[in-house]
Amino acid sequence: MNLQTPNPYISLEEAGKLTREVHPLPNDIQQLLEVNSLEKEYQKRPAYQKNDYIRWITQAKREETRQKRINQMLDELTSGDRYMKMNY
C-alpha cells in the first residue's frame, strides 16, 4: 500500500504534525514549480508553509487574485527569504 498526502511535497510524517487539513496541490501549481525549477525550494519549506500557500491560493474567489497569489509564492520561493511578505 502506497500511502501519501494530497500534496506530494508534504510527507506523511510532516502531515501528521499539521493541526489542519492537508490541501491537495493543484496540477497547474505543481507544473509551475517544475517549469520554474522551484520544486526544491518549495520542498525545503516547513509543511505548514507549503500547506498554507496552497490553501491561500485555492481559496481565492477570482482568477486574477489566484494568479497574483501564485506569482507571490513563486517570487518568494525564488528569493528564498520571504514567506507571505515576511522575512523567513
C-alpha atoms as a PDB file:
ATOM      1  CA  MET A   1       0.000   0.000   0.000  1.00  0.00           C
ATOM      2  CA  ASN A   2       1.444   3.338  -1.062  1.00  0.00           C
ATOM      3  CA  LEU A   3       0.319   5.992   1.381  1.00  0.00           C
ATOM      4  CA  GLN A   4       0.826   9.623   0.504  1.00  0.00           C
ATOM      5  CA  THR A   5      -0.662  13.001   1.237  1.00  0.00           C
ATOM      6  CA  PRO A   6      -2.700  15.017  -1.284  1.00  0.00           C
ATOM      7  CA  ASN A   7       0.389  17.235  -1.643  1.00  0.00           C
ATOM      8  CA  PRO A   8       3.390  15.221  -2.877  1.00  0.00           C
ATOM      9  CA  TYR A   9       5.750  17.750  -1.301  1.00  0.00           C
ATOM     10  CA  ILE A  10       4.387  17.090   2.206  1.00  0.00           C
ATOM     11  CA  SER A  11       5.435  13.761   3.716  1.00  0.00           C
ATOM     12  CA  LEU A  12       3.132  11.640   5.864  1.00  0.00           C
ATOM     13  CA  GLU A  13       5.339  12.453   8.838  1.00  0.00           C
ATOM     14  CA  GLU A  14       5.021  16.200   8.196  1.00  0.00           C
ATOM     15  CA  ALA A  15       1.278  15.878   7.583  1.00  0.00           C
ATOM     16  CA  GLY A  16       0.870  14.133  10.925  1.00  0.00           C
ATOM     17  CA  LYS A  17       2.285  17.201  12.661  1.00  0.00           C
ATOM     18  CA  LEU A  18      -0.117  19.647  10.999  1.00  0.00           C
ATOM     19  CA  THR A  19      -3.151  20.646  13.030  1.00  0.00           C
ATOM     20  CA  ARG A  20      -5.224  21.441   9.951  1.00  0.00           C
ATOM     21  CA  GLU A  21      -6.256  19.707   6.753  1.00  0.00           C
ATOM     22  CA  VAL A  22      -3.557  18.992   4.161  1.00  0.00           C
ATOM     23  CA  HIS A  23      -4.609  20.754   0.963  1.00  0.00           C
ATOM     24  CA  PRO A  24      -4.109  18.990  -2.378  1.00  0.00           C
ATOM     25  CA  LEU A  25      -1.520  20.514  -4.693  1.00  0.00           C
ATOM     26  CA  PRO A  26      -3.278  21.595  -7.912  1.00  0.00           C
ATOM     27  CA  ASN A  27      -1.690  20.275 -11.110  1.00  0.00           C
ATOM     28  CA  ASP A  28      -1.108  23.754 -12.532  1.00  0.00           C
ATOM     29  CA  ILE A  29       0.851  24.825  -9.451  1.00  0.00           C
ATOM     30  CA  GLN A  30       2.927  21.644  -9.500  1.00  0.00           C
ATOM     31  CA  GLN A  31       3.720  22.295 -13.165  1.00  0.00           C
ATOM     32  CA  LEU A  32       4.711  25.896 -12.396  1.00  0.00           C
ATOM     33  CA  LEU A  33       7.049  24.702  -9.644  1.00  0.00           C
ATOM     34  CA  GLU A  34       8.644  22.290 -12.116  1.00  0.00           C
ATOM     35  CA  VAL A  35       8.862  24.751 -15.040  1.00  0.00           C
ATOM     36  CA  ASN A  36      10.417  27.390 -12.788  1.00  0.00           C
ATOM     37  CA  SER A  37      12.764  24.841 -11.152  1.00  0.00           C
ATOM     38  CA  LEU A  38      11.350  25.688  -7.727  1.00  0.00           C
ATOM     39  CA  GLU A  39      10.371  22.197  -6.517  1.00  0.00           C
ATOM     40  CA  LYS A  40      13.446  22.001  -4.273  1.00  0.00           C
ATOM     41  CA  GLU A  41      12.812  25.445  -2.796  1.00  0.00           C
ATOM     42  CA  TYR A  42       9.171  24.528  -2.134  1.00  0.00           C
ATOM     43  CA  GLN A  43      10.230  21.190  -0.630  1.00  0.00           C
ATOM     44  CA  LYS A  44      12.650  22.941   1.776  1.00  0.00           C
ATOM     45  CA  ARG A  45       9.823  24.931   3.356  1.00  0.00           C
ATOM     46  CA  PRO A  46       8.153  23.662   6.534  1.00  0.00           C
ATOM     47  CA  ALA A  47       4.954  21.674   5.976  1.00  0.00           C
ATOM     48  CA  TYR A  48       2.768  24.454   7.387  1.00  0.00           C
ATOM     49  CA  GLN A  49       4.147  26.926   4.815  1.00  0.00           C
ATOM     50  CA  LYS A  50       3.665  24.541   1.891  1.00  0.00           C
ATOM     51  CA  ASN A  51       0.136  23.805   3.049  1.00  0.00           C
ATOM     52  CA  ASP A  52      -0.723  27.450   3.791  1.00  0.00           C
ATOM     53  CA  TYR A  53       0.448  28.612   0.367  1.00  0.00           C
ATOM     54  CA  ILE A  54      -1.851  26.099  -1.340  1.00  0.00           C
ATOM     55  CA  ARG A  55      -4.825  26.878   0.906  1.00  0.00           C
ATOM     56  CA  TRP A  56      -4.326  30.620   0.376  1.00  0.00           C
ATOM     57  CA  ILE A  57      -4.081  30.252  -3.404  1.00  0.00           C
ATOM     58  CA  THR A  58      -7.015  27.862  -3.814  1.00  0.00           C
ATOM     59  CA  GLN A  59      -9.338  29.936  -1.642  1.00  0.00           C
ATOM     60  CA  ALA A  60      -9.112  32.921  -3.995  1.00  0.00           C
ATOM     61  CA  LYS A  61     -12.548  33.778  -5.346  1.00  0.00           C
ATOM     62  CA  ARG A  62     -11.342  35.412  -8.568  1.00  0.00           C
ATOM     63  CA  GLU A  63      -8.849  34.035 -11.082  1.00  0.00           C
ATOM     64  CA  GLU A  64      -6.997  37.359 -11.027  1.00  0.00           C
ATOM     65  CA  THR A  65      -6.467  37.022  -7.272  1.00  0.00           C
ATOM     66  CA  ARG A  66      -5.398  33.389  -7.658  1.00  0.00           C
ATOM     67  CA  GLN A  67      -2.774  34.345 -10.256  1.00  0.00           C
ATOM     68  CA  LYS A  68      -1.499  37.191  -8.088  1.00  0.00           C
ATOM     69  CA  ARG A  69      -1.080  34.784  -5.163  1.00  0.00           C
ATOM     70  CA  ILE A  70       0.670  32.189  -7.323  1.00  0.00           C
ATOM     71  CA  ASN A  71       3.077  34.860  -8.559  1.00  0.00           C
ATOM     72  CA  GLN A  72       3.769  35.983  -4.997  1.00  0.00           C
ATOM     73  CA  MET A  73       4.524  32.410  -3.931  1.00  0.00           C
ATOM     74  CA  LEU A  74       6.853  31.880  -6.902  1.00  0.00           C
ATOM     75  CA  ASP A  75       8.634  35.188  -6.202  1.00  0.00           C
ATOM     76  CA  GLU A  76       9.060  34.301  -2.532  1.00  0.00           C
ATOM     77  CA  LEU A  77      10.386  30.843  -3.363  1.00  0.00           C
ATOM     78  CA  THR A  78      12.809  32.411  -5.844  1.00  0.00           C
ATOM     79  CA  SER A  79      14.112  34.916  -3.289  1.00  0.00           C
ATOM     80  CA  GLY A  80      14.245  32.182  -0.651  1.00  0.00           C
ATOM     81  CA  ASP A  81      13.932  34.554   2.287  1.00  0.00           C
ATOM     82  CA  ARG A  82      10.264  35.577   2.240  1.00  0.00           C
ATOM     83  CA  TYR A  83       7.014  33.935   3.327  1.00  0.00           C
ATOM     84  CA  MET A  84       3.701  35.752   2.972  1.00  0.00           C
ATOM     85  CA  LYS A  85       5.615  39.029   2.549  1.00  0.00           C
ATOM     86  CA  MET A  86       7.507  38.480   5.813  1.00  0.00           C
ATOM     87  CA  ASN A  87      11.159  37.661   6.342  1.00  0.00           C
ATOM     88  CA  TYR A  88      11.694  33.928   6.567  1.00  0.00           C
END
